Amino acid sequence: MTNTLYWLAAALLLGVLIMVHELGHFWSARMVGIKVMSFGIGFGPKLWSHTAANGITYVLRLLPLGGYCRYYGEDEAVEHEGDAFYRQPVWKRALSTFAGPLMNFFAAILALFILYACLGLPSSVLLSIDRVEPNTPASEAGLMPGDEFTHVNGVPITSYEDVRAAIMNTADGGSVELTVDRNGAPVTAAVTPRIIDAEAATPQIGIRFKQGYTRLGVGESLKYSVINTGATIGSMADFLRSLITREQSAGGLVGPFGTMRMVADQTEIGGIREYLSMAALISINLGFFNLLPIPGLDGSRLLFLLIEKIRRKRMDPNKEGIVHLVGIALLMLLMLPIYIKDVMSLF
């Protein structure tokens, strides 16, 4: 039951972040006078729909893994061309297109602001154990959450790095003597590190250290929220570059189900802190990904608008619609192996 709640929380988070993205398109379009035909969240079977007095149809579907804001005459020729999306000034269309990713970046800043102002900015890593993974050397040796390391191989230590270094430098098959303070009493255990995570490829014992946090004021929280959002965007750009140059493989990429699984797992481990951190990370991912110049995404639409501005002439809306439709189909085809891997991982 508990695990199901974490999954529901993950699905809710993804749905909210997608809604935030689409609301960026919706609000900006309404603000500059672009006619909106429909606004929807999710895909699959329709759960609810309503057509308001202003003619906008609102739709909610079962799976919160997508969304849309459809403008009048966005990708097709229409009867009343004066109201069509493609008849609006370039700056209005560019604003409503860019507003979706921008809202995701704002949402990330807000999530980090709440995290830093209410729960604190990560500072030093403490010597105490926060979590012991099951079926690992640490659990087999009897180490427990709350234990605080005091000695390694009989030598007093001052930082968690001393513990990590001793574990990583242990000879293959050898053990390390770890002394901890447990409720005021010393407890010593011989632990044999081994490879737990194949990707890490270094000896581990299966513990997670407690993280120290420093609560910040409003100004400092906002400052670090903006800085860290910018740094994450930069990291994503570097990762994309490394994918293009084949310095890294795409094996670590995940789809929506894989994303929900990560959120559920991390929230179960770290609670609201991890939930807010994942909210910020996923929101930045949504904003960054949608700005890529891939047909069907916001980045491609902005590119078409730039070309239109330079040429002073727009591509035929029907042809542009076909480009976006084909682009989305190709993107879905390329993502298919990731979706399959996501679903298979659930079993």
Protein backbone atom coordinates (compact mmCIF):
# COMPACT_ATOMS: atom_id res chain seq x y z
CA MET A 1 0.00 0.00 0.00
CA THR A 2 2.82 2.40 0.92
CA ASN A 3 4.64 1.72 -2.35
CA THR A 4 1.42 2.41 -4.25
CA LEU A 5 1.13 5.81 -2.55
CA TYR A 6 4.65 6.72 -3.68
CA TRP A 7 3.75 5.75 -7.24
CA LEU A 8 0.58 7.85 -7.07
CA ALA A 9 2.62 10.77 -5.75
CA ALA A 10 5.05 10.31 -8.65
CA ALA A 11 2.24 10.22 -11.22
CA LEU A 12 0.68 13.31 -9.65
CA LEU A 13 4.01 15.14 -9.82
CA LEU A 14 4.49 14.35 -13.50
CA GLY A 15 0.92 15.37 -14.29
CA VAL A 16 1.28 18.68 -12.43
CA LEU A 17 4.56 19.55 -14.18
CA ILE A 18 3.05 18.81 -17.59
CA MET A 19 0.04 20.92 -16.66
CA VAL A 20 2.36 23.76 -15.62
CA HIS A 21 4.02 23.58 -19.04
CA GLU A 22 0.72 23.71 -20.89
CA LEU A 23 -0.58 26.48 -18.63
CA GLY A 24 2.41 28.54 -19.73
CA HIS A 25 1.22 28.24 -23.32
CA PHE A 26 -2.42 28.82 -22.32
CA TRP A 27 -1.98 31.87 -20.08
CA SER A 28 0.46 33.63 -22.40
CA ALA A 29 -1.79 33.04 -25.41
CA ARG A 30 -4.82 34.41 -23.57
CA MET A 31 -2.77 37.35 -22.34
CA VAL A 32 -1.76 38.49 -25.86
CA GLY A 33 -5.11 37.71 -27.49
CA ILE A 34 -4.37 34.45 -29.27
CA LYS A 35 -7.52 32.34 -29.63
CA VAL A 36 -7.34 28.99 -27.78
CA MET A 37 -9.56 26.14 -28.95
CA SER A 38 -8.85 23.48 -26.31
CA PHE A 39 -6.66 22.71 -23.29
CA GLY A 40 -6.04 19.12 -22.24
CA ILE A 41 -4.05 17.15 -19.72
CA GLY A 42 -3.14 13.47 -20.18
CA PHE A 43 -3.89 10.97 -22.89
CA GLY A 44 -5.95 7.82 -23.19
CA PRO A 45 -9.63 7.50 -22.19
CA LYS A 46 -11.39 10.79 -21.50
CA LEU A 47 -12.35 11.27 -17.84
CA TRP A 48 -13.92 14.71 -18.06
CA SER A 49 -14.48 17.54 -20.53
CA HIS A 50 -16.21 20.89 -20.46
CA THR A 51 -16.72 23.62 -23.06
CA ALA A 52 -16.75 27.04 -21.44
CA ALA A 53 -18.82 30.01 -22.54
CA ASN A 54 -15.77 31.46 -24.32
CA GLY A 55 -15.62 28.37 -26.55
CA ILE A 56 -12.53 26.76 -24.97
CA THR A 57 -12.86 23.02 -24.37
CA TYR A 58 -11.09 21.65 -21.28
CA VAL A 59 -10.25 17.93 -21.26
CA LEU A 60 -8.84 15.58 -18.61
CA ARG A 61 -7.69 12.11 -19.67
CA LEU A 62 -6.66 9.02 -17.70
CA LEU A 63 -2.86 8.95 -18.06
CA PRO A 64 -1.13 12.16 -16.84
CA LEU A 65 1.82 11.73 -19.23
CA GLY A 66 1.09 14.42 -21.79
CA GLY A 67 -0.92 17.52 -22.51
CA TYR A 68 -1.72 20.13 -25.11
CA CYS A 69 -2.91 23.68 -25.69
CA ARG A 70 -4.47 23.89 -29.16
CA TYR A 71 -4.69 27.28 -30.83
CA TYR A 72 -7.18 28.24 -33.51
CA GLY A 73 -5.54 27.67 -36.89
CA GLU A 74 -2.24 26.53 -35.39
CA ASP A 75 -1.20 23.96 -37.99
CA GLU A 76 -4.01 24.10 -40.53
CA ALA A 77 -5.87 26.56 -42.73
CA VAL A 78 -9.16 27.75 -41.17
CA GLU A 79 -12.23 29.65 -42.24
CA HIS A 80 -11.70 32.82 -40.18
CA GLU A 81 -8.08 33.49 -41.04
CA GLY A 82 -7.95 36.76 -39.15
CA ASP A 83 -8.16 34.87 -35.85
CA ALA A 84 -5.81 32.05 -36.90
CA PHE A 85 -2.66 31.43 -34.91
CA TYR A 86 -0.47 31.77 -37.99
CA ARG A 87 -1.95 35.24 -38.66
CA GLN A 88 -0.79 36.55 -35.28
CA PRO A 89 2.40 38.65 -35.06
CA VAL A 90 5.60 36.60 -34.73
CA TRP A 91 6.35 37.97 -31.28
CA LYS A 92 2.97 36.82 -29.93
CA ARG A 93 3.43 33.31 -31.29
CA ALA A 94 7.03 33.17 -30.03
CA LEU A 95 5.96 34.30 -26.56
CA SER A 96 3.16 31.73 -26.27
CA THR A 97 5.50 29.00 -27.57
CA PHE A 98 8.42 29.84 -25.26
CA ALA A 99 6.16 30.34 -22.23
CA GLY A 100 5.69 26.56 -21.77
CA PRO A 101 9.38 25.74 -21.13
CA LEU A 102 9.77 29.01 -19.24
CA MET A 103 7.01 27.98 -16.82
CA ASN A 104 8.86 24.71 -16.20
CA PHE A 105 12.01 26.65 -15.28
CA PHE A 106 9.98 28.89 -12.96
CA ALA A 107 8.39 25.79 -11.38
CA ALA A 108 11.86 24.35 -10.74
CA ILE A 109 12.99 27.58 -9.10
CA LEU A 110 9.85 27.56 -6.92
CA ALA A 111 10.40 23.93 -5.85
CA LEU A 112 14.03 24.62 -4.94
CA PHE A 113 13.06 27.85 -3.15
CA ILE A 114 10.59 25.96 -0.95
CA LEU A 115 13.21 23.27 -0.33
CA TYR A 116 15.98 25.69 0.68
CA ALA A 117 13.80 28.11 2.64
CA CYS A 118 11.81 25.50 4.58
CA LEU A 119 14.12 22.49 4.77
CA GLY A 120 17.57 23.88 4.06
CA LEU A 121 20.38 23.84 1.51
CA PRO A 122 22.57 20.69 1.54
CA SER A 123 25.82 21.49 3.34
CA SER A 124 28.17 18.97 4.93
CA VAL A 125 27.74 15.20 4.90
CA LEU A 126 27.53 13.86 8.46
CA LEU A 127 29.20 10.80 9.94
CA SER A 128 25.84 9.26 10.90
CA ILE A 129 24.15 6.50 8.90
CA ASP A 130 20.85 7.58 7.37
CA ARG A 131 19.95 4.30 5.60
CA VAL A 132 21.23 0.75 5.44
CA GLU A 133 20.32 -1.11 2.26
CA PRO A 134 19.05 -4.66 2.78
CA ASN A 135 21.21 -7.65 1.82
CA THR A 136 24.43 -5.63 1.80
CA PRO A 137 27.69 -5.94 3.80
CA ALA A 138 26.50 -3.21 6.17
CA SER A 139 23.20 -4.94 6.98
CA GLU A 140 24.93 -8.31 7.32
CA ALA A 141 27.43 -6.77 9.78
CA GLY A 142 24.61 -5.32 11.90
CA LEU A 143 25.10 -1.62 11.17
CA MET A 144 21.94 0.42 11.76
CA PRO A 145 20.48 3.85 10.85
CA GLY A 146 21.56 6.37 13.46
CA ASP A 147 24.96 4.79 14.04
CA GLU A 148 27.72 7.43 14.05
CA PHE A 149 31.19 6.44 12.85
CA THR A 150 34.03 7.19 15.28
CA HIS A 151 36.95 4.92 14.22
CA VAL A 152 38.14 3.06 11.12
CA ASN A 153 40.56 0.19 11.78
CA GLY A 154 41.05 1.61 15.27
CA VAL A 155 42.00 5.09 14.03
CA PRO A 156 39.79 8.09 15.00
CA ILE A 157 38.12 9.81 12.03
CA THR A 158 36.84 13.32 11.40
CA SER A 159 34.82 13.09 8.18
CA TYR A 160 32.74 10.67 6.15
CA GLU A 161 35.48 10.76 3.50
CA ASP A 162 37.69 8.78 5.90
CA VAL A 163 35.07 6.01 5.93
CA ARG A 164 34.65 6.05 2.15
CA ALA A 165 38.40 5.97 1.53
CA ALA A 166 38.85 2.99 3.85
CA ILE A 167 36.02 1.09 2.15
CA MET A 168 37.25 1.80 -1.37
CA ASN A 169 40.86 0.97 -0.54
CA THR A 170 40.08 -2.35 1.09
CA ALA A 171 41.87 -5.20 -0.66
CA ASP A 172 39.68 -7.54 -2.70
CA GLY A 173 37.98 -9.90 -0.28
CA GLY A 174 39.39 -8.08 2.75
CA SER A 175 37.46 -6.45 5.57
CA VAL A 176 37.49 -3.09 7.30
CA GLU A 177 36.90 -2.59 11.02
CA LEU A 178 34.30 0.09 11.62
CA THR A 179 33.51 1.47 15.08
CA VAL A 180 30.28 3.38 15.60
CA ASP A 181 28.60 5.16 18.48
CA ARG A 182 25.16 3.61 19.04
CA ASN A 183 23.10 5.37 21.72
CA GLY A 184 26.26 6.36 23.58
CA ALA A 185 27.90 2.92 23.44
CA PRO A 186 30.74 1.92 21.05
CA VAL A 187 30.00 -0.94 18.64
CA THR A 188 32.67 -2.44 16.38
CA ALA A 189 31.92 -4.49 13.27
CA ALA A 190 34.11 -6.12 10.65
CA VAL A 191 32.62 -5.34 7.24
CA THR A 192 33.69 -6.86 3.91
CA PRO A 193 33.04 -4.38 1.06
CA ARG A 194 31.96 -5.74 -2.31
CA ILE A 195 30.68 -4.52 -5.67
CA ILE A 196 26.99 -3.72 -5.17
CA ASP A 197 26.29 -1.36 -8.05
CA ALA A 198 27.77 -2.61 -11.33
CA GLU A 199 27.76 0.93 -12.72
CA ALA A 200 29.81 2.27 -9.78
CA ALA A 201 32.33 -0.59 -10.10
CA THR A 202 33.87 0.22 -6.69
CA PRO A 203 33.59 -1.67 -3.39
CA GLN A 204 30.66 -0.56 -1.25
CA ILE A 205 28.99 -1.63 1.98
CA GLY A 206 25.43 -0.38 1.29
CA ILE A 207 24.91 2.66 3.50
CA ARG A 208 23.72 6.20 2.97
CA PHE A 209 25.23 8.95 5.11
CA LYS A 210 23.04 11.60 6.69
CA GLN A 211 23.12 14.93 4.94
CA GLY A 212 23.53 18.16 6.87
CA TYR A 213 21.35 21.11 5.87
CA THR A 214 21.48 24.88 6.41
CA ARG A 215 18.21 26.82 6.31
CA LEU A 216 18.46 30.02 4.29
CA GLY A 217 16.62 33.31 4.31
CA VAL A 218 14.24 34.32 1.54
CA GLY A 219 16.85 36.20 -0.49
CA GLU A 220 19.52 33.50 -0.22
CA SER A 221 16.98 30.77 -1.00
CA LEU A 222 15.91 32.57 -4.17
CA LYS A 223 19.54 33.18 -5.16
CA TYR A 224 20.58 29.54 -4.84
CA SER A 225 17.36 28.36 -6.50
CA VAL A 226 18.16 30.41 -9.61
CA ILE A 227 21.86 29.45 -9.56
CA ASN A 228 21.18 25.73 -9.24
CA THR A 229 18.46 25.80 -11.89
CA GLY A 230 20.92 27.44 -14.29
CA ALA A 231 23.63 24.93 -13.36
CA THR A 232 21.29 22.02 -14.03
CA ILE A 233 20.37 23.44 -17.44
CA GLY A 234 24.09 23.70 -18.20
CA SER A 235 24.64 20.09 -17.12
CA MET A 236 21.85 18.95 -19.43
CA ALA A 237 23.41 20.85 -22.33
CA ASP A 238 26.75 19.13 -21.60
CA PHE A 239 25.04 15.74 -21.47
CA LEU A 240 23.32 16.38 -24.80
CA ARG A 241 26.64 17.37 -26.35
CA SER A 242 28.25 14.18 -25.03
CA LEU A 243 25.40 12.12 -26.53
CA ILE A 244 25.87 13.77 -29.91
CA THR A 245 29.64 13.21 -29.83
CA ARG A 246 29.07 9.67 -28.51
CA GLU A 247 31.14 10.30 -25.39
CA GLN A 248 28.16 8.84 -23.50
CA SER A 249 25.55 6.29 -24.47
CA ALA A 250 21.80 6.76 -24.30
CA GLY A 251 21.44 3.65 -22.14
CA GLY A 252 20.71 5.70 -19.04
CA LEU A 253 17.76 7.56 -20.56
CA VAL A 254 14.33 6.75 -19.17
CA GLY A 255 10.77 7.45 -20.28
CA PRO A 256 7.74 8.50 -18.22
CA PHE A 257 7.36 5.19 -16.39
CA GLY A 258 11.06 5.11 -15.56
CA THR A 259 10.80 8.70 -14.33
CA MET A 260 7.87 7.83 -12.07
CA ARG A 261 9.78 4.86 -10.71
CA MET A 262 12.76 7.09 -9.84
CA VAL A 263 10.48 9.61 -8.12
CA ALA A 264 8.73 6.87 -6.15
CA ASP A 265 12.01 5.23 -5.09
CA GLN A 266 13.76 8.48 -4.16
CA THR A 267 10.72 9.78 -2.26
CA GLU A 268 10.50 6.55 -0.29
CA ILE A 269 14.14 6.97 0.70
CA GLY A 270 14.39 10.74 1.24
CA GLY A 271 10.83 11.93 1.84
CA ILE A 272 9.70 15.43 0.95
CA ARG A 273 13.27 16.64 0.36
CA GLU A 274 13.80 14.18 -2.47
CA TYR A 275 10.29 14.79 -3.79
CA LEU A 276 10.97 18.51 -4.17
CA SER A 277 14.43 17.88 -5.62
CA MET A 278 13.01 15.47 -8.19
CA ALA A 279 10.21 17.95 -8.98
CA ALA A 280 12.81 20.60 -9.82
CA LEU A 281 14.96 18.20 -11.85
CA ILE A 282 12.06 16.82 -13.90
CA SER A 283 10.61 20.28 -14.50
CA ILE A 284 13.97 21.50 -15.83
CA ASN A 285 14.18 18.38 -18.01
CA LEU A 286 10.73 19.10 -19.47
CA GLY A 287 11.61 22.69 -20.22
CA PHE A 288 15.02 21.87 -21.71
CA PHE A 289 13.79 18.95 -23.81
CA ASN A 290 10.93 20.95 -25.27
CA LEU A 291 13.34 23.67 -26.41
CA LEU A 292 15.28 21.24 -28.61
CA PRO A 293 14.76 21.97 -32.34
CA ILE A 294 12.97 18.66 -32.95
CA PRO A 295 9.82 18.84 -35.15
CA GLY A 296 6.75 18.78 -32.96
CA LEU A 297 8.48 20.34 -29.95
CA ASP A 298 8.48 23.99 -28.90
CA GLY A 299 12.08 24.45 -30.02
CA SER A 300 11.16 23.51 -33.58
CA ARG A 301 8.22 25.90 -33.60
CA LEU A 302 10.50 28.70 -32.40
CA LEU A 303 12.93 27.82 -35.18
CA PHE A 304 10.14 28.10 -37.77
CA LEU A 305 9.19 31.48 -36.32
CA LEU A 306 12.80 32.67 -36.59
CA ILE A 307 12.92 31.57 -40.24
CA GLU A 308 9.62 33.35 -40.86
CA LYS A 309 10.97 36.53 -39.29
CA ILE A 310 14.06 36.41 -41.49
CA ARG A 311 12.18 35.54 -44.71
CA ARG A 312 9.22 37.79 -43.85
CA LYS A 313 7.05 34.98 -45.14
CA ARG A 314 5.59 32.01 -43.34
CA MET A 315 5.69 28.43 -44.53
CA ASP A 316 2.32 27.06 -45.60
CA PRO A 317 0.54 26.04 -42.34
CA ASN A 318 -0.50 22.67 -43.77
CA LYS A 319 3.09 21.84 -44.73
CA GLU A 320 4.40 22.94 -41.35
CA GLY A 321 1.74 20.82 -39.67
CA ILE A 322 2.91 17.80 -41.65
CA VAL A 323 6.54 18.48 -40.59
CA HIS A 324 5.52 18.55 -36.92
CA LEU A 325 3.33 15.46 -37.27
CA VAL A 326 6.11 13.46 -38.95
CA GLY A 327 8.59 14.75 -36.35
CA ILE A 328 6.43 13.59 -33.46
CA ALA A 329 5.96 10.17 -35.12
CA LEU A 330 9.73 9.77 -35.59
CA LEU A 331 10.38 10.93 -32.02
CA MET A 332 7.92 8.36 -30.68
CA LEU A 333 9.60 5.70 -32.82
CA LEU A 334 13.04 6.61 -31.46
CA MET A 335 11.69 6.63 -27.91
CA LEU A 336 9.97 3.26 -28.34
CA PRO A 337 12.94 1.19 -27.03
CA ILE A 338 13.05 3.42 -23.95
CA TYR A 339 9.31 3.01 -23.38
CA ILE A 340 9.64 -0.78 -23.75
CA LYS A 341 12.53 -0.83 -21.28
CA ASP A 342 10.45 1.27 -18.87
CA VAL A 343 7.52 -1.12 -18.98
CA MET A 344 9.71 -4.24 -18.74
CA SER A 345 11.45 -2.81 -15.67
CA LEU A 346 8.09 -2.73 -13.88
CA PHE A 347 8.03 -6.53 -13.99
